[in-house]
Amino acid sequence: MSNPGGWLKIRPITALYLPANGYTGMYVKIRYGSESAVSQTVPTPVNPEWTQYDDGDQEDTIHFTHDVRDNDFEVNVQALKTIGSLRLSVVGVKANSKEELGVLHLPLADAICCCTEIFDDEKNSNNSYVRWYQLTDPKWTESGDVDFRQSQRNFLTEQKDSNGFTQNYTKCIKLAMWWEKDENNTYHISGLDSDKLSHNHSKSYHNISLNGISAAVIDSFRARELLSIAFTDIDVRVLATKFKSS
């Protein structure tokens, strides 16, 4: 995917099947790199709703004017940037404490691709990519003992309907996303007299992106794992312009 740079807009709509024990409210937090932002706290802990839509707006795409709502997140993505993920979490609020109840790792390249495909198919810039995403246990993202393959499967689970998950009462959140290109965005290529080039100068762009690779050394006699290693967010990019390749 050749990303010319722009804004990934994310709108949390509602969440289901989150524990409500003693919580007085819930909010959504999103982190990208070193930056983070939070939504407003919804005072209703059971099936919290951050954005309201009419009953008829329950399809794969939601048609609306992309006006700014109170709980919208705007993530600025630099040109050619496709590696990495966004970390989104739902946080429960108690009288004297806060606790993460569910986490979603959203691969950046996948999110942008989904949004641009909706735009291309519908020929309407007011369409949003709308899906339910499974929320995973926060300890899966913090513990070094987590099964890598299992965590990746859960991070990438999305459905068109909240009943589409394999297990009943799966913790999930409904998001609307859309992509807005920055027409003035340029990227830097060092070593040229002009240190800024328009994205239109590129002749070809190839990208290989892998969410992760894991390998293990197994003792065949005792059937015991001796060593395991995992790599995440593997990204290989080849850019050819009229001036050079990198």
C-alpha atoms as a PDB file:
ATOM      1  CA  MET A   1       0.000   0.000   0.000  1.00  0.00           C
ATOM      2  CA  SER A   2       1.441   3.352  -1.057  1.00  0.00           C
ATOM      3  CA  ASN A   3       0.300   5.749   1.643  1.00  0.00           C
ATOM      4  CA  PRO A   4       0.477   9.434   0.609  1.00  0.00           C
ATOM      5  CA  GLY A   5      -0.090  10.574   4.196  1.00  0.00           C
ATOM      6  CA  GLY A   6      -3.210  11.885   5.858  1.00  0.00           C
ATOM      7  CA  TRP A   7      -5.576  11.419   8.781  1.00  0.00           C
ATOM      8  CA  LEU A   8      -7.105   8.202  10.059  1.00  0.00           C
ATOM      9  CA  LYS A   9     -10.350   9.092  11.812  1.00  0.00           C
ATOM     10  CA  ILE A  10     -11.727   6.665  14.410  1.00  0.00           C
ATOM     11  CA  ARG A  11     -15.134   7.047  16.035  1.00  0.00           C
ATOM     12  CA  PRO A  12     -16.054   4.715  18.937  1.00  0.00           C
ATOM     13  CA  ILE A  13     -19.757   3.927  18.867  1.00  0.00           C
ATOM     14  CA  THR A  14     -20.594   1.393  21.584  1.00  0.00           C
ATOM     15  CA  ALA A  15     -19.248  -1.647  23.451  1.00  0.00           C
ATOM     16  CA  LEU A  16     -20.882  -4.853  24.657  1.00  0.00           C
ATOM     17  CA  TYR A  17     -20.403  -7.473  27.361  1.00  0.00           C
ATOM     18  CA  LEU A  18     -17.942  -5.542  29.491  1.00  0.00           C
ATOM     19  CA  PRO A  19     -17.911  -6.192  33.252  1.00  0.00           C
ATOM     20  CA  ALA A  20     -19.936  -3.590  35.113  1.00  0.00           C
ATOM     21  CA  ASN A  21     -18.992  -4.533  38.659  1.00  0.00           C
ATOM     22  CA  GLY A  22     -18.797  -1.307  40.631  1.00  0.00           C
ATOM     23  CA  TYR A  23     -17.878   0.906  37.657  1.00  0.00           C
ATOM     24  CA  THR A  24     -19.451   4.340  37.477  1.00  0.00           C
ATOM     25  CA  GLY A  25     -18.444   5.033  33.878  1.00  0.00           C
ATOM     26  CA  MET A  26     -16.261   4.028  30.953  1.00  0.00           C
ATOM     27  CA  TYR A  27     -14.099   5.802  28.396  1.00  0.00           C
ATOM     28  CA  VAL A  28     -12.002   4.888  25.365  1.00  0.00           C
ATOM     29  CA  LYS A  29      -8.273   5.509  25.203  1.00  0.00           C
ATOM     30  CA  ILE A  30      -6.169   5.315  22.053  1.00  0.00           C
ATOM     31  CA  ARG A  31      -2.388   5.341  21.758  1.00  0.00           C
ATOM     32  CA  TYR A  32      -0.222   5.724  18.664  1.00  0.00           C
ATOM     33  CA  GLY A  33       3.512   5.851  19.229  1.00  0.00           C
ATOM     34  CA  SER A  34       4.223   8.220  22.101  1.00  0.00           C
ATOM     35  CA  GLU A  35       0.898  10.079  21.806  1.00  0.00           C
ATOM     36  CA  SER A  36      -2.427   9.193  23.389  1.00  0.00           C
ATOM     37  CA  ALA A  37      -5.928  10.610  23.737  1.00  0.00           C
ATOM     38  CA  VAL A  38      -9.101   9.728  25.638  1.00  0.00           C
ATOM     39  CA  SER A  39     -12.804  10.082  24.940  1.00  0.00           C
ATOM     40  CA  GLN A  40     -15.436  11.458  27.258  1.00  0.00           C
ATOM     41  CA  THR A  41     -16.481   9.217  30.149  1.00  0.00           C
ATOM     42  CA  VAL A  42     -19.886   7.647  29.595  1.00  0.00           C
ATOM     43  CA  PRO A  43     -21.762   7.456  32.917  1.00  0.00           C
ATOM     44  CA  THR A  44     -23.551   4.236  31.944  1.00  0.00           C
ATOM     45  CA  PRO A  45     -21.182   1.292  32.491  1.00  0.00           C
ATOM     46  CA  VAL A  46     -23.555  -1.299  30.953  1.00  0.00           C
ATOM     47  CA  ASN A  47     -23.216  -1.282  27.150  1.00  0.00           C
ATOM     48  CA  PRO A  48     -21.581   2.186  27.074  1.00  0.00           C
ATOM     49  CA  GLU A  49     -22.400   4.310  24.037  1.00  0.00           C
ATOM     50  CA  TRP A  50     -20.069   7.106  22.910  1.00  0.00           C
ATOM     51  CA  THR A  51     -21.815   7.963  19.634  1.00  0.00           C
ATOM     52  CA  GLN A  52     -25.504   7.689  18.825  1.00  0.00           C
ATOM     53  CA  TYR A  53     -26.882   6.816  15.393  1.00  0.00           C
ATOM     54  CA  ASP A  54     -30.373   6.275  14.048  1.00  0.00           C
ATOM     55  CA  ASP A  55     -31.670   2.700  14.092  1.00  0.00           C
ATOM     56  CA  GLY A  56     -31.342   2.551  10.306  1.00  0.00           C
ATOM     57  CA  ASP A  57     -27.576   3.142  10.404  1.00  0.00           C
ATOM     58  CA  GLN A  58     -26.554  -0.392  11.274  1.00  0.00           C
ATOM     59  CA  GLU A  59     -25.047  -1.519   7.965  1.00  0.00           C
ATOM     60  CA  ASP A  60     -21.431  -2.253   6.979  1.00  0.00           C
ATOM     61  CA  THR A  61     -21.025   1.415   6.080  1.00  0.00           C
ATOM     62  CA  ILE A  62     -22.489   4.436   7.790  1.00  0.00           C
ATOM     63  CA  HIS A  63     -23.304   7.386   5.555  1.00  0.00           C
ATOM     64  CA  PHE A  64     -22.891  10.701   7.304  1.00  0.00           C
ATOM     65  CA  THR A  65     -21.173  14.035   7.016  1.00  0.00           C
ATOM     66  CA  HIS A  66     -17.747  13.714   8.566  1.00  0.00           C
ATOM     67  CA  ASP A  67     -18.301  16.517  11.004  1.00  0.00           C
ATOM     68  CA  VAL A  68     -16.250  16.395  14.190  1.00  0.00           C
ATOM     69  CA  ARG A  69     -17.928  14.644  17.104  1.00  0.00           C
ATOM     70  CA  ASP A  70     -16.922  14.921  20.746  1.00  0.00           C
ATOM     71  CA  ASN A  71     -15.390  11.443  20.944  1.00  0.00           C
ATOM     72  CA  ASP A  72     -13.655  11.280  17.556  1.00  0.00           C
ATOM     73  CA  PHE A  73      -9.973  10.379  17.393  1.00  0.00           C
ATOM     74  CA  GLU A  74      -7.728  11.812  14.660  1.00  0.00           C
ATOM     75  CA  VAL A  75      -4.440  10.041  13.985  1.00  0.00           C
ATOM     76  CA  ASN A  76      -1.949  11.796  11.716  1.00  0.00           C
ATOM     77  CA  VAL A  77      -0.102   9.238   9.576  1.00  0.00           C
ATOM     78  CA  GLN A  78       3.009  10.364   7.731  1.00  0.00           C
ATOM     79  CA  ALA A  79       3.561   9.549   4.067  1.00  0.00           C
ATOM     80  CA  LEU A  80       4.662   5.940   3.403  1.00  0.00           C
ATOM     81  CA  LYS A  81       4.074   5.063   7.050  1.00  0.00           C
ATOM     82  CA  THR A  82       2.294   1.708   7.251  1.00  0.00           C
ATOM     83  CA  ILE A  83       4.091  -0.251   9.945  1.00  0.00           C
ATOM     84  CA  GLY A  84       2.852  -0.472  13.526  1.00  0.00           C
ATOM     85  CA  SER A  85      -0.532  -0.489  15.175  1.00  0.00           C
ATOM     86  CA  LEU A  86      -2.895   1.605  17.233  1.00  0.00           C
ATOM     87  CA  ARG A  87      -3.621   0.483  20.778  1.00  0.00           C
ATOM     88  CA  LEU A  88      -7.225   1.122  21.757  1.00  0.00           C
ATOM     89  CA  SER A  89      -8.588   0.247  25.174  1.00  0.00           C
ATOM     90  CA  VAL A  90     -11.814   0.612  27.133  1.00  0.00           C
ATOM     91  CA  VAL A  91     -11.222   1.836  30.677  1.00  0.00           C
ATOM     92  CA  GLY A  92     -13.632   1.398  33.569  1.00  0.00           C
ATOM     93  CA  VAL A  93     -13.838   4.132  36.205  1.00  0.00           C
ATOM     94  CA  LYS A  94     -14.509   3.504  39.877  1.00  0.00           C
ATOM     95  CA  ALA A  95     -14.621   5.936  42.785  1.00  0.00           C
ATOM     96  CA  ASN A  96     -10.866   5.830  43.431  1.00  0.00           C
ATOM     97  CA  SER A  97      -9.419   3.814  40.576  1.00  0.00           C
ATOM     98  CA  LYS A  98      -9.368   3.088  36.839  1.00  0.00           C
ATOM     99  CA  GLU A  99      -8.945  -0.274  35.137  1.00  0.00           C
ATOM    100  CA  GLU A 100      -8.486  -1.408  31.559  1.00  0.00           C
ATOM    101  CA  LEU A 101     -11.280  -3.822  30.671  1.00  0.00           C
ATOM    102  CA  GLY A 102     -10.419  -4.681  27.084  1.00  0.00           C
ATOM    103  CA  VAL A 103      -7.718  -3.906  24.524  1.00  0.00           C
ATOM    104  CA  LEU A 104      -7.636  -3.803  20.725  1.00  0.00           C
ATOM    105  CA  HIS A 105      -4.462  -3.602  18.629  1.00  0.00           C
ATOM    106  CA  LEU A 106      -5.469  -2.249  15.237  1.00  0.00           C
ATOM    107  CA  PRO A 107      -2.808  -2.697  12.506  1.00  0.00           C
ATOM    108  CA  LEU A 108      -2.269   0.667  10.850  1.00  0.00           C
ATOM    109  CA  ALA A 109      -1.913  -0.593   7.266  1.00  0.00           C
ATOM    110  CA  ASP A 110      -5.048  -2.752   7.506  1.00  0.00           C
ATOM    111  CA  ALA A 111      -7.124   0.114   8.876  1.00  0.00           C
ATOM    112  CA  ILE A 112      -6.081   2.495   6.093  1.00  0.00           C
ATOM    113  CA  CYS A 113      -6.685  -0.159   3.398  1.00  0.00           C
ATOM    114  CA  CYS A 114     -10.204  -0.877   4.673  1.00  0.00           C
ATOM    115  CA  CYS A 115     -11.094   2.810   4.695  1.00  0.00           C
ATOM    116  CA  THR A 116      -9.746   3.481   1.194  1.00  0.00           C
ATOM    117  CA  GLU A 117     -11.545   0.418  -0.215  1.00  0.00           C
ATOM    118  CA  ILE A 118     -14.866   1.706   1.127  1.00  0.00           C
ATOM    119  CA  PHE A 119     -14.189   5.048  -0.518  1.00  0.00           C
ATOM    120  CA  ASP A 120     -13.297   3.432  -3.875  1.00  0.00           C
ATOM    121  CA  ASP A 121     -16.263   1.056  -3.890  1.00  0.00           C
ATOM    122  CA  GLU A 122     -18.953   3.519  -2.906  1.00  0.00           C
ATOM    123  CA  LYS A 123     -17.601   6.591  -4.725  1.00  0.00           C
ATOM    124  CA  ASN A 124     -18.753   8.613  -1.769  1.00  0.00           C
ATOM    125  CA  SER A 125     -16.389  10.380   0.615  1.00  0.00           C
ATOM    126  CA  ASN A 126     -19.050  10.342   3.339  1.00  0.00           C
ATOM    127  CA  ASN A 127     -18.828   6.574   3.902  1.00  0.00           C
ATOM    128  CA  SER A 128     -17.215   4.970   6.932  1.00  0.00           C
ATOM    129  CA  TYR A 129     -15.865   1.475   7.484  1.00  0.00           C
ATOM    130  CA  VAL A 130     -17.911   0.086  10.387  1.00  0.00           C
ATOM    131  CA  ARG A 131     -17.085  -3.136  12.229  1.00  0.00           C
ATOM    132  CA  TRP A 132     -17.264  -4.862  15.588  1.00  0.00           C
ATOM    133  CA  TYR A 133     -13.840  -5.688  17.034  1.00  0.00           C
ATOM    134  CA  GLN A 134     -13.070  -8.223  19.737  1.00  0.00           C
ATOM    135  CA  LEU A 135     -11.538  -6.761  22.880  1.00  0.00           C
ATOM    136  CA  THR A 136      -8.812  -8.898  24.388  1.00  0.00           C
ATOM    137  CA  ASP A 137      -7.725  -9.279  27.985  1.00  0.00           C
ATOM    138  CA  PRO A 138      -5.209  -6.495  28.828  1.00  0.00           C
ATOM    139  CA  LYS A 139      -2.791  -9.024  30.355  1.00  0.00           C
ATOM    140  CA  TRP A 140      -2.276 -10.522  26.876  1.00  0.00           C
ATOM    141  CA  THR A 141      -0.563  -7.326  25.798  1.00  0.00           C
ATOM    142  CA  GLU A 142       1.540  -6.899  28.929  1.00  0.00           C
ATOM    143  CA  SER A 143       2.701 -10.384  29.870  1.00  0.00           C
ATOM    144  CA  GLY A 144       5.800 -11.870  28.301  1.00  0.00           C
ATOM    145  CA  ASP A 145       4.304 -15.354  28.740  1.00  0.00           C
ATOM    146  CA  VAL A 146       1.463 -14.747  26.315  1.00  0.00           C
ATOM    147  CA  ASP A 147       1.051 -17.164  23.414  1.00  0.00           C
ATOM    148  CA  PHE A 148       2.019 -14.979  20.450  1.00  0.00           C
ATOM    149  CA  ARG A 149      -0.116 -16.767  17.864  1.00  0.00           C
ATOM    150  CA  GLN A 150      -3.210 -16.736  20.067  1.00  0.00           C
ATOM    151  CA  SER A 151      -2.865 -13.010  20.799  1.00  0.00           C
ATOM    152  CA  GLN A 152      -2.450 -12.176  17.102  1.00  0.00           C
ATOM    153  CA  ARG A 153      -5.594 -14.091  16.156  1.00  0.00           C
ATOM    154  CA  ASN A 154      -7.629 -12.147  18.677  1.00  0.00           C
ATOM    155  CA  PHE A 155      -6.147  -8.764  17.792  1.00  0.00           C
ATOM    156  CA  LEU A 156      -7.254  -9.199  14.169  1.00  0.00           C
ATOM    157  CA  THR A 157     -10.812 -10.438  14.805  1.00  0.00           C
ATOM    158  CA  GLU A 158     -13.563  -8.259  13.338  1.00  0.00           C
ATOM    159  CA  GLN A 159     -17.203  -8.914  12.450  1.00  0.00           C
ATOM    160  CA  LYS A 160     -20.049  -7.097  10.719  1.00  0.00           C
ATOM    161  CA  ASP A 161     -22.384  -7.996  13.578  1.00  0.00           C
ATOM    162  CA  SER A 162     -21.801  -8.391  17.302  1.00  0.00           C
ATOM    163  CA  ASN A 163     -23.258 -11.906  17.105  1.00  0.00           C
ATOM    164  CA  GLY A 164     -20.666 -13.006  14.547  1.00  0.00           C
ATOM    165  CA  PHE A 165     -17.958 -13.966  17.038  1.00  0.00           C
ATOM    166  CA  THR A 166     -17.309 -17.638  17.703  1.00  0.00           C
ATOM    167  CA  GLN A 167     -18.015 -17.362  21.425  1.00  0.00           C
ATOM    168  CA  ASN A 168     -21.181 -15.938  22.941  1.00  0.00           C
ATOM    169  CA  TYR A 169     -20.960 -12.731  24.939  1.00  0.00           C
ATOM    170  CA  THR A 170     -17.575 -11.789  23.503  1.00  0.00           C
ATOM    171  CA  LYS A 171     -16.304  -8.440  24.742  1.00  0.00           C
ATOM    172  CA  CYS A 172     -16.329  -6.175  21.694  1.00  0.00           C
ATOM    173  CA  ILE A 173     -16.442  -2.575  20.527  1.00  0.00           C
ATOM    174  CA  LYS A 174     -18.060  -1.031  17.460  1.00  0.00           C
ATOM    175  CA  LEU A 175     -15.913   1.474  15.549  1.00  0.00           C
ATOM    176  CA  ALA A 176     -16.461   3.676  12.513  1.00  0.00           C
ATOM    177  CA  MET A 177     -13.314   4.624  10.603  1.00  0.00           C
ATOM    178  CA  TRP A 178     -12.531   6.738   7.568  1.00  0.00           C
ATOM    179  CA  TRP A 179      -9.429   8.090   5.866  1.00  0.00           C
ATOM    180  CA  GLU A 180      -8.746  11.651   4.729  1.00  0.00           C
ATOM    181  CA  LYS A 181      -5.729  12.173   2.494  1.00  0.00           C
ATOM    182  CA  ASP A 182      -3.501  15.171   3.031  1.00  0.00           C
ATOM    183  CA  GLU A 183      -3.172  16.520  -0.505  1.00  0.00           C
ATOM    184  CA  ASN A 184      -0.250  18.738   0.515  1.00  0.00           C
ATOM    185  CA  ASN A 185       1.678  15.964   2.244  1.00  0.00           C
ATOM    186  CA  THR A 186       5.198  15.329   0.970  1.00  0.00           C
ATOM    187  CA  TYR A 187       7.883  12.934   2.046  1.00  0.00           C
ATOM    188  CA  HIS A 188      11.576  13.482   2.575  1.00  0.00           C
ATOM    189  CA  ILE A 189      14.268  11.735   0.528  1.00  0.00           C
ATOM    190  CA  SER A 190      17.774  12.576   1.686  1.00  0.00           C
ATOM    191  CA  GLY A 191      20.603  13.315  -0.718  1.00  0.00           C
ATOM    192  CA  LEU A 192      18.616  15.349  -3.234  1.00  0.00           C
ATOM    193  CA  ASP A 193      18.947  19.037  -4.017  1.00  0.00           C
ATOM    194  CA  SER A 194      15.243  19.369  -3.326  1.00  0.00           C
ATOM    195  CA  ASP A 195      14.734  17.798   0.091  1.00  0.00           C
ATOM    196  CA  LYS A 196      10.984  17.425  -0.394  1.00  0.00           C
ATOM    197  CA  LEU A 197       9.271  15.506  -3.169  1.00  0.00           C
ATOM    198  CA  SER A 198       5.609  15.217  -3.993  1.00  0.00           C
ATOM    199  CA  HIS A 199       4.202  11.708  -3.735  1.00  0.00           C
ATOM    200  CA  ASN A 200       3.374  11.991  -7.456  1.00  0.00           C
ATOM    201  CA  HIS A 201       7.099  11.676  -8.279  1.00  0.00           C
ATOM    202  CA  SER A 202       7.101   8.008  -7.326  1.00  0.00           C
ATOM    203  CA  LYS A 203       7.251   5.479 -10.174  1.00  0.00           C
ATOM    204  CA  SER A 204       6.588   2.371  -8.109  1.00  0.00           C
ATOM    205  CA  TYR A 205       6.117   1.351  -4.513  1.00  0.00           C
ATOM    206  CA  HIS A 206       6.150  -2.171  -3.061  1.00  0.00           C
ATOM    207  CA  ASN A 207       5.361  -3.066   0.505  1.00  0.00           C
ATOM    208  CA  ILE A 208       5.484  -6.359   2.392  1.00  0.00           C
ATOM    209  CA  SER A 209       3.900  -6.220   5.823  1.00  0.00           C
ATOM    210  CA  LEU A 210       3.667  -9.107   8.280  1.00  0.00           C
ATOM    211  CA  ASN A 211       1.837  -8.818  11.571  1.00  0.00           C
ATOM    212  CA  GLY A 212       4.246 -11.290  13.121  1.00  0.00           C
ATOM    213  CA  ILE A 213       6.382 -14.400  12.846  1.00  0.00           C
ATOM    214  CA  SER A 214       7.069 -16.859  15.644  1.00  0.00           C
ATOM    215  CA  ALA A 215       9.373 -19.876  15.841  1.00  0.00           C
ATOM    216  CA  ALA A 216      10.173 -22.411  18.509  1.00  0.00           C
ATOM    217  CA  VAL A 217      12.775 -25.095  19.195  1.00  0.00           C
ATOM    218  CA  ILE A 218      11.134 -28.280  20.501  1.00  0.00           C
ATOM    219  CA  ASP A 219      12.789 -31.151  22.340  1.00  0.00           C
ATOM    220  CA  SER A 220      11.504 -34.099  20.299  1.00  0.00           C
ATOM    221  CA  PHE A 221      12.253 -36.584  23.081  1.00  0.00           C
ATOM    222  CA  ARG A 222      10.425 -34.822  25.916  1.00  0.00           C
ATOM    223  CA  ALA A 223       8.042 -32.838  23.678  1.00  0.00           C
ATOM    224  CA  ARG A 224       8.992 -29.676  25.512  1.00  0.00           C
ATOM    225  CA  GLU A 225       9.572 -26.188  24.163  1.00  0.00           C
ATOM    226  CA  LEU A 226      13.172 -25.158  24.720  1.00  0.00           C
ATOM    227  CA  LEU A 227      13.323 -21.803  23.008  1.00  0.00           C
ATOM    228  CA  SER A 228      10.860 -19.496  21.296  1.00  0.00           C
ATOM    229  CA  ILE A 229      11.241 -16.208  19.476  1.00  0.00           C
ATOM    230  CA  ALA A 230       8.689 -13.826  17.982  1.00  0.00           C
ATOM    231  CA  PHE A 231       8.917 -10.786  15.735  1.00  0.00           C
ATOM    232  CA  THR A 232       6.054  -8.341  15.287  1.00  0.00           C
ATOM    233  CA  ASP A 233       5.275  -5.520  12.848  1.00  0.00           C
ATOM    234  CA  ILE A 234       7.685  -6.621  10.105  1.00  0.00           C
ATOM    235  CA  ASP A 235       7.661  -4.129   7.257  1.00  0.00           C
ATOM    236  CA  VAL A 236       9.705  -4.078   4.027  1.00  0.00           C
ATOM    237  CA  ARG A 237       9.289  -1.166   1.604  1.00  0.00           C
ATOM    238  CA  VAL A 238      10.858  -0.481  -1.794  1.00  0.00           C
ATOM    239  CA  LEU A 239      10.277   2.953  -3.282  1.00  0.00           C
ATOM    240  CA  ALA A 240      11.413   3.925  -6.791  1.00  0.00           C
ATOM    241  CA  THR A 241      11.191   7.557  -7.870  1.00  0.00           C
ATOM    242  CA  LYS A 242      12.413   9.441 -10.927  1.00  0.00           C
ATOM    243  CA  PHE A 243      15.561  10.232  -8.957  1.00  0.00           C
ATOM    244  CA  LYS A 244      16.483   7.164  -6.895  1.00  0.00           C
ATOM    245  CA  SER A 245      15.359   3.946  -5.231  1.00  0.00           C
ATOM    246  CA  SER A 246      15.339   3.382  -1.476  1.00  0.00           C
END
